[in-house]
PDB file of N, CA and C in Angstrom:
ATOM      1  N   UNK A   1       6.250   6.198   1.849  1.00  0.00           N
ATOM      2  CA  UNK A   1       7.634   5.687   2.239  1.00  0.00           C
ATOM      3  C   UNK A   1       7.618   4.490   3.186  1.00  0.00           C
ATOM      4  N   UNK A   2       8.631   3.472   2.881  1.00  0.00           N
ATOM      5  CA  UNK A   2       8.454   2.230   3.373  1.00  0.00           C
ATOM      6  C   UNK A   2       9.422   2.341   4.875  1.00  0.00           C
ATOM      7  N   UNK A   3       9.567   1.257   5.786  1.00  0.00           N
ATOM      8  CA  UNK A   3      10.162   0.992   6.755  1.00  0.00           C
ATOM      9  C   UNK A   3      11.609   1.062   6.662  1.00  0.00           C
ATOM     10  N   UNK A   4      12.033   0.468   5.525  1.00  0.00           N
ATOM     11  CA  UNK A   4      13.510   0.437   4.879  1.00  0.00           C
ATOM     12  C   UNK A   4      13.888   1.998   4.868  1.00  0.00           C
ATOM     13  N   UNK A   5      13.259   2.730   4.234  1.00  0.00           N
ATOM     14  CA  UNK A   5      13.451   4.262   3.825  1.00  0.00           C
ATOM     15  C   UNK A   5      13.399   5.048   4.900  1.00  0.00           C
ATOM     16  N   UNK A   6      12.593   4.772   6.321  1.00  0.00           N
ATOM     17  CA  UNK A   6      12.501   5.149   7.567  1.00  0.00           C
ATOM     18  C   UNK A   6      13.686   5.088   8.111  1.00  0.00           C
ATOM     19  N   UNK A   7      14.141   3.890   8.274  1.00  0.00           N
ATOM     20  CA  UNK A   7      15.417   3.497   8.944  1.00  0.00           C
ATOM     21  C   UNK A   7      16.653   4.267   8.135  1.00  0.00           C
ATOM     22  N   UNK A   8      16.697   4.425   6.669  1.00  0.00           N
ATOM     23  CA  UNK A   8      17.839   5.034   6.149  1.00  0.00           C
ATOM     24  C   UNK A   8      17.530   6.404   6.540  1.00  0.00           C
ATOM     25  N   UNK A   9      16.479   7.231   6.363  1.00  0.00           N
ATOM     26  CA  UNK A   9      16.280   8.549   6.781  1.00  0.00           C
ATOM     27  C   UNK A   9      16.954   8.800   8.141  1.00  0.00           C
ATOM     28  N   UNK A  10      16.230   7.875   9.087  1.00  0.00           N
ATOM     29  CA  UNK A  10      16.987   8.463  10.552  1.00  0.00           C
ATOM     30  C   UNK A  10      18.249   8.062  10.648  1.00  0.00           C
ATOM     31  N   UNK A  11      18.932   7.165   9.961  1.00  0.00           N
ATOM     32  CA  UNK A  11      20.368   6.779  10.004  1.00  0.00           C
ATOM     33  C   UNK A  11      21.393   7.995   9.493  1.00  0.00           C
ATOM     34  N   UNK A  12      20.643   8.510   8.499  1.00  0.00           N
ATOM     35  CA  UNK A  12      21.443   9.462   7.846  1.00  0.00           C
ATOM     36  C   UNK A  12      21.380  10.715   8.662  1.00  0.00           C
ATOM     37  N   UNK A  13      20.333  10.993   9.310  1.00  0.00           N
ATOM     38  CA  UNK A  13      20.183  12.106  10.218  1.00  0.00           C
ATOM     39  C   UNK A  13      20.883  12.356  11.502  1.00  0.00           C
ATOM     40  N   UNK A  14      20.738  11.103  11.949  1.00  0.00           N
ATOM     41  CA  UNK A  14      21.472  10.707  13.201  1.00  0.00           C
ATOM     42  C   UNK A  14      22.677  10.297  13.308  1.00  0.00           C
ATOM     43  N   UNK A  15      23.367   9.697  12.169  1.00  0.00           N
ATOM     44  CA  UNK A  15      24.782   9.066  12.040  1.00  0.00           C
ATOM     45  C   UNK A  15      24.789   7.807  12.831  1.00  0.00           C
ATOM     46  N   UNK A  16      23.653   7.286  13.508  1.00  0.00           N
ATOM     47  CA  UNK A  16      23.640   6.058  14.022  1.00  0.00           C
ATOM     48  C   UNK A  16      23.490   4.927  12.859  1.00  0.00           C
ATOM     49  N   UNK A  17      24.240   3.824  13.252  1.00  0.00           N
ATOM     50  CA  UNK A  17      24.218   2.448  11.960  1.00  0.00           C
ATOM     51  C   UNK A  17      22.820   2.132  11.934  1.00  0.00           C
ATOM     52  N   UNK A  18      22.612   1.822  10.643  1.00  0.00           N
ATOM     53  CA  UNK A  18      21.329   1.288  10.206  1.00  0.00           C
ATOM     54  C   UNK A  18      21.089   0.055  11.032  1.00  0.00           C
ATOM     55  N   UNK A  19      21.615  -0.934  11.461  1.00  0.00           N
ATOM     56  CA  UNK A  19      21.288  -1.932  12.131  1.00  0.00           C
ATOM     57  C   UNK A  19      20.699  -1.387  13.336  1.00  0.00           C
ATOM     58  N   UNK A  20      21.481  -0.633  14.008  1.00  0.00           N
ATOM     59  CA  UNK A  20      20.795  -0.036  15.462  1.00  0.00           C
ATOM     60  C   UNK A  20      19.328   0.684  15.271  1.00  0.00           C
ATOM     61  N   UNK A  21      19.366   1.443  14.081  1.00  0.00           N
ATOM     62  CA  UNK A  21      17.821   2.358  14.022  1.00  0.00           C
ATOM     63  C   UNK A  21      16.737   1.251  13.578  1.00  0.00           C
ATOM     64  N   UNK A  22      17.437   0.212  13.011  1.00  0.00           N
ATOM     65  CA  UNK A  22      16.405  -0.934  12.633  1.00  0.00           C
ATOM     66  C   UNK A  22      15.912  -1.295  13.769  1.00  0.00           C
ATOM     67  N   UNK A  23      16.831  -1.742  14.697  1.00  0.00           N
ATOM     68  CA  UNK A  23      16.307  -2.624  15.890  1.00  0.00           C
ATOM     69  C   UNK A  23      15.569  -1.690  16.654  1.00  0.00           C
ATOM     70  N   UNK A  24      15.552  -0.484  17.039  1.00  0.00           N
ATOM     71  CA  UNK A  24      15.101   0.778  17.468  1.00  0.00           C
ATOM     72  C   UNK A  24      13.786   0.644  16.841  1.00  0.00           C
ATOM     73  N   UNK A  25      13.480   0.940  15.831  1.00  0.00           N
ATOM     74  CA  UNK A  25      11.963   1.417  14.953  1.00  0.00           C
ATOM     75  C   UNK A  25      11.409  -0.216  15.076  1.00  0.00           C
ATOM     76  N   UNK A  26      11.961  -1.514  15.025  1.00  0.00           N
ATOM     77  CA  UNK A  26      11.408  -2.474  15.270  1.00  0.00           C
ATOM     78  C   UNK A  26      10.793  -2.650  16.793  1.00  0.00           C
ATOM     79  N   UNK A  27      11.648  -2.375  17.767  1.00  0.00           N
ATOM     80  CA  UNK A  27      11.190  -2.403  19.287  1.00  0.00           C
ATOM     81  C   UNK A  27      10.259  -1.064  19.245  1.00  0.00           C
ATOM     82  N   UNK A  28      10.093  -0.058  18.784  1.00  0.00           N
ATOM     83  CA  UNK A  28       9.229   0.647  19.096  1.00  0.00           C
ATOM     84  C   UNK A  28       7.367   0.296  18.289  1.00  0.00           C
ATOM     85  N   UNK A  29       7.942  -0.544  17.340  1.00  0.00           N
ATOM     86  CA  UNK A  29       6.592  -1.089  16.590  1.00  0.00           C
ATOM     87  C   UNK A  29       5.963  -1.888  17.560  1.00  0.00           C
ATOM     88  N   UNK A  30       6.846  -2.743  17.941  1.00  0.00           N
ATOM     89  CA  UNK A  30       6.317  -4.057  18.737  1.00  0.00           C
ATOM     90  C   UNK A  30       6.036  -3.643  20.223  1.00  0.00           C
ATOM     91  N   UNK A  31       6.444  -2.375  20.495  1.00  0.00           N
ATOM     92  CA  UNK A  31       5.863  -2.174  22.084  1.00  0.00           C
ATOM     93  C   UNK A  31       4.737  -1.291  21.828  1.00  0.00           C
ATOM     94  N   UNK A  32       4.434  -0.603  20.597  1.00  0.00           N
ATOM     95  CA  UNK A  32       3.249  -0.033  20.642  1.00  0.00           C
ATOM     96  C   UNK A  32       1.944  -1.158  20.318  1.00  0.00           C
ATOM     97  N   UNK A  33       2.326  -1.993  19.457  1.00  0.00           N
ATOM     98  CA  UNK A  33       1.622  -3.228  19.208  1.00  0.00           C
ATOM     99  C   UNK A  33       1.099  -4.288  20.439  1.00  0.00           C
ATOM    100  N   UNK A  34       2.241  -4.219  21.197  1.00  0.00           N
ATOM    101  CA  UNK A  34       1.946  -5.154  22.614  1.00  0.00           C
ATOM    102  C   UNK A  34       0.950  -4.575  23.465  1.00  0.00           C
ATOM    103  N   UNK A  35       1.113  -2.928  23.564  1.00  0.00           N
ATOM    104  CA  UNK A  35       0.506  -2.286  24.456  1.00  0.00           C
ATOM    105  C   UNK A  35      -0.945  -2.116  24.208  1.00  0.00           C
ATOM    106  N   UNK A  36      -1.149  -2.157  22.917  1.00  0.00           N
ATOM    107  CA  UNK A  36      -2.638  -2.287  22.176  1.00  0.00           C
ATOM    108  C   UNK A  36      -3.502  -3.527  22.389  1.00  0.00           C
ATOM    109  N   UNK A  37      -2.415  -4.491  22.312  1.00  0.00           N
ATOM    110  CA  UNK A  37      -2.922  -5.805  22.569  1.00  0.00           C
ATOM    111  C   UNK A  37      -3.244  -5.990  23.776  1.00  0.00           C
ATOM    112  N   UNK A  38      -2.758  -5.317  24.598  1.00  0.00           N
ATOM    113  CA  UNK A  38      -3.083  -5.308  26.335  1.00  0.00           C
ATOM    114  C   UNK A  38      -4.295  -4.648  26.610  1.00  0.00           C
ATOM    115  N   UNK A  39      -4.884  -3.960  25.544  1.00  0.00           N
ATOM    116  CA  UNK A  39      -6.123  -2.899  25.872  1.00  0.00           C
ATOM    117  C   UNK A  39      -5.467  -1.506  26.294  1.00  0.00           C
ATOM    118  N   UNK A  40      -4.196  -1.141  26.013  1.00  0.00           N
ATOM    119  CA  UNK A  40      -3.822   0.155  26.689  1.00  0.00           C
ATOM    120  C   UNK A  40      -3.398   1.178  25.333  1.00  0.00           C
ATOM    121  N   UNK A  41      -3.774   2.460  25.301  1.00  0.00           N
ATOM    122  CA  UNK A  41      -3.930   3.396  24.208  1.00  0.00           C
ATOM    123  C   UNK A  41      -2.289   3.830  24.523  1.00  0.00           C
ATOM    124  N   UNK A  42      -1.851   4.251  23.260  1.00  0.00           N
ATOM    125  CA  UNK A  42      -0.527   5.188  23.209  1.00  0.00           C
ATOM    126  C   UNK A  42      -0.596   6.585  22.746  1.00  0.00           C
ATOM    127  N   UNK A  43      -0.192   7.091  23.507  1.00  0.00           N
ATOM    128  CA  UNK A  43      -0.227   8.992  23.129  1.00  0.00           C
ATOM    129  C   UNK A  43       1.207   9.329  22.834  1.00  0.00           C
ATOM    130  N   UNK A  44       1.470   9.860  21.716  1.00  0.00           N
ATOM    131  CA  UNK A  44       2.673  10.474  21.496  1.00  0.00           C
ATOM    132  C   UNK A  44       2.377  11.905  21.355  1.00  0.00           C
ATOM    133  N   UNK A  45       2.492  12.887  22.318  1.00  0.00           N
ATOM    134  CA  UNK A  45       2.625  14.173  22.135  1.00  0.00           C
ATOM    135  C   UNK A  45       3.125  14.945  21.144  1.00  0.00           C
ATOM    136  N   UNK A  46       2.186  15.628  19.944  1.00  0.00           N
ATOM    137  CA  UNK A  46       2.827  16.444  18.897  1.00  0.00           C
ATOM    138  C   UNK A  46       2.733  15.538  17.533  1.00  0.00           C
ATOM    139  N   UNK A  47       2.544  13.898  17.887  1.00  0.00           N
ATOM    140  CA  UNK A  47       2.436  13.154  16.871  1.00  0.00           C
ATOM    141  C   UNK A  47       1.087  12.419  16.712  1.00  0.00           C
ATOM    142  N   UNK A  48       0.635  11.822  17.562  1.00  0.00           N
ATOM    143  CA  UNK A  48      -0.775  11.418  17.408  1.00  0.00           C
ATOM    144  C   UNK A  48      -1.010  10.384  18.524  1.00  0.00           C
ATOM    145  N   UNK A  49      -2.326   9.716  18.347  1.00  0.00           N
ATOM    146  CA  UNK A  49      -2.752   8.850  19.350  1.00  0.00           C
ATOM    147  C   UNK A  49      -3.036   7.469  18.719  1.00  0.00           C
ATOM    148  N   UNK A  50      -2.767   6.247  19.322  1.00  0.00           N
ATOM    149  CA  UNK A  50      -2.921   5.076  18.739  1.00  0.00           C
ATOM    150  C   UNK A  50      -4.095   4.393  19.627  1.00  0.00           C
ATOM    151  N   UNK A  51      -5.316   4.159  19.172  1.00  0.00           N
ATOM    152  CA  UNK A  51      -6.346   3.996  20.073  1.00  0.00           C
ATOM    153  C   UNK A  51      -6.899   2.791  19.909  1.00  0.00           C
ATOM    154  N   UNK A  52      -7.921   2.120  20.786  1.00  0.00           N
ATOM    155  CA  UNK A  52      -8.564   1.295  20.302  1.00  0.00           C
ATOM    156  C   UNK A  52      -9.936   1.420  20.203  1.00  0.00           C
ATOM    157  N   UNK A  53     -10.850   1.131  19.246  1.00  0.00           N
ATOM    158  CA  UNK A  53     -11.993   1.464  18.801  1.00  0.00           C
ATOM    159  C   UNK A  53     -12.877   0.031  18.992  1.00  0.00           C
ATOM    160  N   UNK A  54     -13.847   0.185  19.863  1.00  0.00           N
ATOM    161  CA  UNK A  54     -14.548  -1.004  20.086  1.00  0.00           C
ATOM    162  C   UNK A  54     -15.815  -0.732  19.115  1.00  0.00           C
ATOM    163  N   UNK A  55     -16.023  -1.913  18.384  1.00  0.00           N
ATOM    164  CA  UNK A  55     -17.146  -1.937  17.264  1.00  0.00           C
ATOM    165  C   UNK A  55     -18.478  -3.053  17.644  1.00  0.00           C
ATOM    166  N   UNK A  56     -19.501  -2.201  17.601  1.00  0.00           N
ATOM    167  CA  UNK A  56     -20.529  -2.852  18.086  1.00  0.00           C
ATOM    168  C   UNK A  56     -21.144  -4.245  17.354  1.00  0.00           C
ATOM    169  N   UNK A  57     -21.897  -5.354  17.762  1.00  0.00           N
ATOM    170  CA  UNK A  57     -22.240  -6.064  17.115  1.00  0.00           C
ATOM    171  C   UNK A  57     -23.312  -5.867  15.940  1.00  0.00           C
ATOM    172  N   UNK A  58     -23.154  -6.319  14.816  1.00  0.00           N
ATOM    173  CA  UNK A  58     -24.097  -5.649  13.611  1.00  0.00           C
ATOM    174  C   UNK A  58     -24.482  -6.899  12.699  1.00  0.00           C
ATOM    175  N   UNK A  59     -25.367  -6.647  11.983  1.00  0.00           N
ATOM    176  CA  UNK A  59     -25.951  -7.512  10.937  1.00  0.00           C
ATOM    177  C   UNK A  59     -25.451  -7.141   9.608  1.00  0.00           C
ATOM    178  N   UNK A  60     -24.734  -8.213   8.850  1.00  0.00           N
ATOM    179  CA  UNK A  60     -24.104  -7.969   7.615  1.00  0.00           C
ATOM    180  C   UNK A  60     -24.978  -8.528   6.478  1.00  0.00           C
ATOM    181  N   UNK A  61     -24.332  -8.458   5.347  1.00  0.00           N
ATOM    182  CA  UNK A  61     -25.036  -9.182   4.137  1.00  0.00           C
ATOM    183  C   UNK A  61     -24.001 -10.106   3.346  1.00  0.00           C
ATOM    184  N   UNK A  62     -24.106 -11.282   2.854  1.00  0.00           N
ATOM    185  CA  UNK A  62     -23.381 -11.936   2.182  1.00  0.00           C
ATOM    186  C   UNK A  62     -24.160 -11.706   0.779  1.00  0.00           C
ATOM    187  N   UNK A  63     -23.618 -10.612  -0.215  1.00  0.00           N
ATOM    188  CA  UNK A  63     -24.192 -10.507  -1.331  1.00  0.00           C
ATOM    189  C   UNK A  63     -24.457 -11.574  -2.302  1.00  0.00           C
ATOM    190  N   UNK A  64     -23.472 -12.471  -2.303  1.00  0.00           N
ATOM    191  CA  UNK A  64     -23.175 -13.671  -3.369  1.00  0.00           C
ATOM    192  C   UNK A  64     -24.130 -14.714  -2.869  1.00  0.00           C
ATOM    193  N   UNK A  65     -24.319 -14.817  -1.772  1.00  0.00           N
ATOM    194  CA  UNK A  65     -25.193 -15.972  -1.183  1.00  0.00           C
ATOM    195  C   UNK A  65     -26.739 -15.597  -0.963  1.00  0.00           C
ATOM    196  N   UNK A  66     -26.920 -14.163  -1.082  1.00  0.00           N
ATOM    197  CA  UNK A  66     -28.028 -13.443  -0.594  1.00  0.00           C
ATOM    198  C   UNK A  66     -28.495 -14.007   0.847  1.00  0.00           C
ATOM    199  N   UNK A  67     -27.749 -13.879   1.715  1.00  0.00           N
ATOM    200  CA  UNK A  67     -27.818 -14.319   3.308  1.00  0.00           C
ATOM    201  C   UNK A  67     -27.404 -13.222   4.244  1.00  0.00           C
ATOM    202  N   UNK A  68     -27.880 -13.135   5.367  1.00  0.00           N
ATOM    203  CA  UNK A  68     -27.639 -12.204   6.418  1.00  0.00           C
ATOM    204  C   UNK A  68     -26.570 -12.916   7.568  1.00  0.00           C
ATOM    205  N   UNK A  69     -25.842 -12.151   7.940  1.00  0.00           N
ATOM    206  CA  UNK A  69     -24.689 -12.858   9.046  1.00  0.00           C
ATOM    207  C   UNK A  69     -24.387 -11.655   9.927  1.00  0.00           C
ATOM    208  N   UNK A  70     -24.530 -12.414  11.296  1.00  0.00           N
ATOM    209  CA  UNK A  70     -24.011 -11.354  12.330  1.00  0.00           C
ATOM    210  C   UNK A  70     -22.643 -11.401  12.415  1.00  0.00           C
ATOM    211  N   UNK A  71     -22.154 -10.017  12.560  1.00  0.00           N
ATOM    212  CA  UNK A  71     -20.839  -9.756  12.766  1.00  0.00           C
ATOM    213  C   UNK A  71     -20.620  -9.392  14.159  1.00  0.00           C
ATOM    214  N   UNK A  72     -19.744 -10.217  15.064  1.00  0.00           N
ATOM    215  CA  UNK A  72     -19.718  -9.740  16.429  1.00  0.00           C
ATOM    216  C   UNK A  72     -18.902  -8.836  16.537  1.00  0.00           C
ATOM    217  N   UNK A  73     -19.270  -8.193  17.955  1.00  0.00           N
ATOM    218  CA  UNK A  73     -18.459  -7.149  18.448  1.00  0.00           C
ATOM    219  C   UNK A  73     -17.047  -7.360  18.685  1.00  0.00           C
ATOM    220  N   UNK A  74     -16.073  -6.321  18.423  1.00  0.00           N
ATOM    221  CA  UNK A  74     -14.734  -6.387  18.301  1.00  0.00           C
ATOM    222  C   UNK A  74     -14.058  -5.167  18.353  1.00  0.00           C
ATOM    223  N   UNK A  75     -12.648  -5.321  18.814  1.00  0.00           N
ATOM    224  CA  UNK A  75     -11.948  -4.020  18.669  1.00  0.00           C
ATOM    225  C   UNK A  75     -11.131  -3.835  17.427  1.00  0.00           C
ATOM    226  N   UNK A  76     -11.014  -2.517  17.328  1.00  0.00           N
ATOM    227  CA  UNK A  76      -9.859  -2.546  15.941  1.00  0.00           C
ATOM    228  C   UNK A  76      -8.973  -1.424  16.508  1.00  0.00           C
ATOM    229  N   UNK A  77      -7.745  -1.456  16.082  1.00  0.00           N
ATOM    230  CA  UNK A  77      -6.575  -0.220  16.385  1.00  0.00           C
ATOM    231  C   UNK A  77      -7.033   0.862  15.376  1.00  0.00           C
ATOM    232  N   UNK A  78      -6.893   1.950  16.007  1.00  0.00           N
ATOM    233  CA  UNK A  78      -6.780   3.234  14.964  1.00  0.00           C
ATOM    234  C   UNK A  78      -5.843   4.322  15.316  1.00  0.00           C
ATOM    235  N   UNK A  79      -5.642   5.109  14.472  1.00  0.00           N
ATOM    236  CA  UNK A  79      -4.583   6.198  14.569  1.00  0.00           C
ATOM    237  C   UNK A  79      -5.274   7.607  14.604  1.00  0.00           C
ATOM    238  N   UNK A  80      -5.265   8.482  15.499  1.00  0.00           N
ATOM    239  CA  UNK A  80      -5.762   9.792  15.240  1.00  0.00           C
ATOM    240  C   UNK A  80      -4.737  10.808  15.410  1.00  0.00           C
ATOM    241  N   UNK A  81      -3.946  11.464  14.063  1.00  0.00           N
ATOM    242  CA  UNK A  81      -2.867  12.244  14.352  1.00  0.00           C
ATOM    243  C   UNK A  81      -3.217  13.922  15.222  1.00  0.00           C
ATOM    244  N   UNK A  82      -2.223  13.992  15.860  1.00  0.00           N
ATOM    245  CA  UNK A  82      -2.128  15.423  16.504  1.00  0.00           C
ATOM    246  C   UNK A  82      -2.714  16.563  15.599  1.00  0.00           C
ATOM    247  N   UNK A  83      -3.288  17.676  16.399  1.00  0.00           N
ATOM    248  CA  UNK A  83      -3.808  18.815  15.703  1.00  0.00           C
ATOM    249  C   UNK A  83      -2.393  19.329  14.963  1.00  0.00           C
ATOM    250  N   UNK A  84      -1.180  19.505  15.458  1.00  0.00           N
ATOM    251  CA  UNK A  84      -0.181  20.309  15.010  1.00  0.00           C
ATOM    252  C   UNK A  84       0.554  19.305  13.506  1.00  0.00           C
ATOM    253  N   UNK A  85       0.338  18.106  13.867  1.00  0.00           N
ATOM    254  CA  UNK A  85       0.257  17.027  12.865  1.00  0.00           C
ATOM    255  C   UNK A  85      -0.268  17.318  11.637  1.00  0.00           C
ATOM    256  N   UNK A  86      -1.794  17.448  11.777  1.00  0.00           N
ATOM    257  CA  UNK A  86      -2.748  17.764  10.864  1.00  0.00           C
ATOM    258  C   UNK A  86      -2.650  19.137   9.973  1.00  0.00           C
ATOM    259  N   UNK A  87      -2.121  20.006  10.920  1.00  0.00           N
ATOM    260  CA  UNK A  87      -2.051  21.572  10.444  1.00  0.00           C
ATOM    261  C   UNK A  87      -0.702  21.547   9.718  1.00  0.00           C
ATOM    262  N   UNK A  88       0.447  20.794   9.817  1.00  0.00           N
ATOM    263  CA  UNK A  88       1.566  20.870   9.073  1.00  0.00           C
ATOM    264  C   UNK A  88       1.460  20.166   7.842  1.00  0.00           C
ATOM    265  N   UNK A  89       0.435  19.093   7.713  1.00  0.00           N
ATOM    266  CA  UNK A  89       0.322  18.261   6.599  1.00  0.00           C
ATOM    267  C   UNK A  89      -0.569  19.398   5.836  1.00  0.00           C
ATOM    268  N   UNK A  90      -1.523  19.875   6.314  1.00  0.00           N
ATOM    269  CA  UNK A  90      -2.471  20.532   5.522  1.00  0.00           C
ATOM    270  C   UNK A  90      -1.968  22.084   4.994  1.00  0.00           C
ATOM    271  N   UNK A  91      -0.936  22.794   5.615  1.00  0.00           N
ATOM    272  CA  UNK A  91      -0.455  23.765   5.353  1.00  0.00           C
ATOM    273  C   UNK A  91       0.557  23.444   4.223  1.00  0.00           C
ATOM    274  N   UNK A  92       1.130  22.215   3.797  1.00  0.00           N
ATOM    275  CA  UNK A  92       2.149  22.172   3.066  1.00  0.00           C
ATOM    276  C   UNK A  92       1.570  21.086   1.832  1.00  0.00           C
ATOM    277  N   UNK A  93       0.125  20.993   1.481  1.00  0.00           N
ATOM    278  CA  UNK A  93      -0.350  20.332   0.428  1.00  0.00           C
ATOM    279  C   UNK A  93       0.072  20.993  -0.871  1.00  0.00           C
ATOM    280  N   UNK A  94       0.438  20.381  -1.790  1.00  0.00           N
ATOM    281  CA  UNK A  94       0.844  20.970  -3.292  1.00  0.00           C
ATOM    282  C   UNK A  94      -0.033  20.506  -4.203  1.00  0.00           C
TER     283      UNK A  94
END
């Protein structure tokens, strides 16, 4: 499902104009992104958590040049679905 399809679905269910729904969805995504950039996790009860995972420095290999490289420590965003979300998906697998 794409962002446009999500906007259309919400507009159909709520009766709100697509333009307003589009602005709301964009604002939501921007808020989540900015919170994570600022080091804050985002918790949505019943849906899931957007968290920041810290990756330690490690040694990697460039196979084509047969050399080793150091990959510096860094943070990555991750999403962990809520237990109720996982169970709903698990129960409806076809």
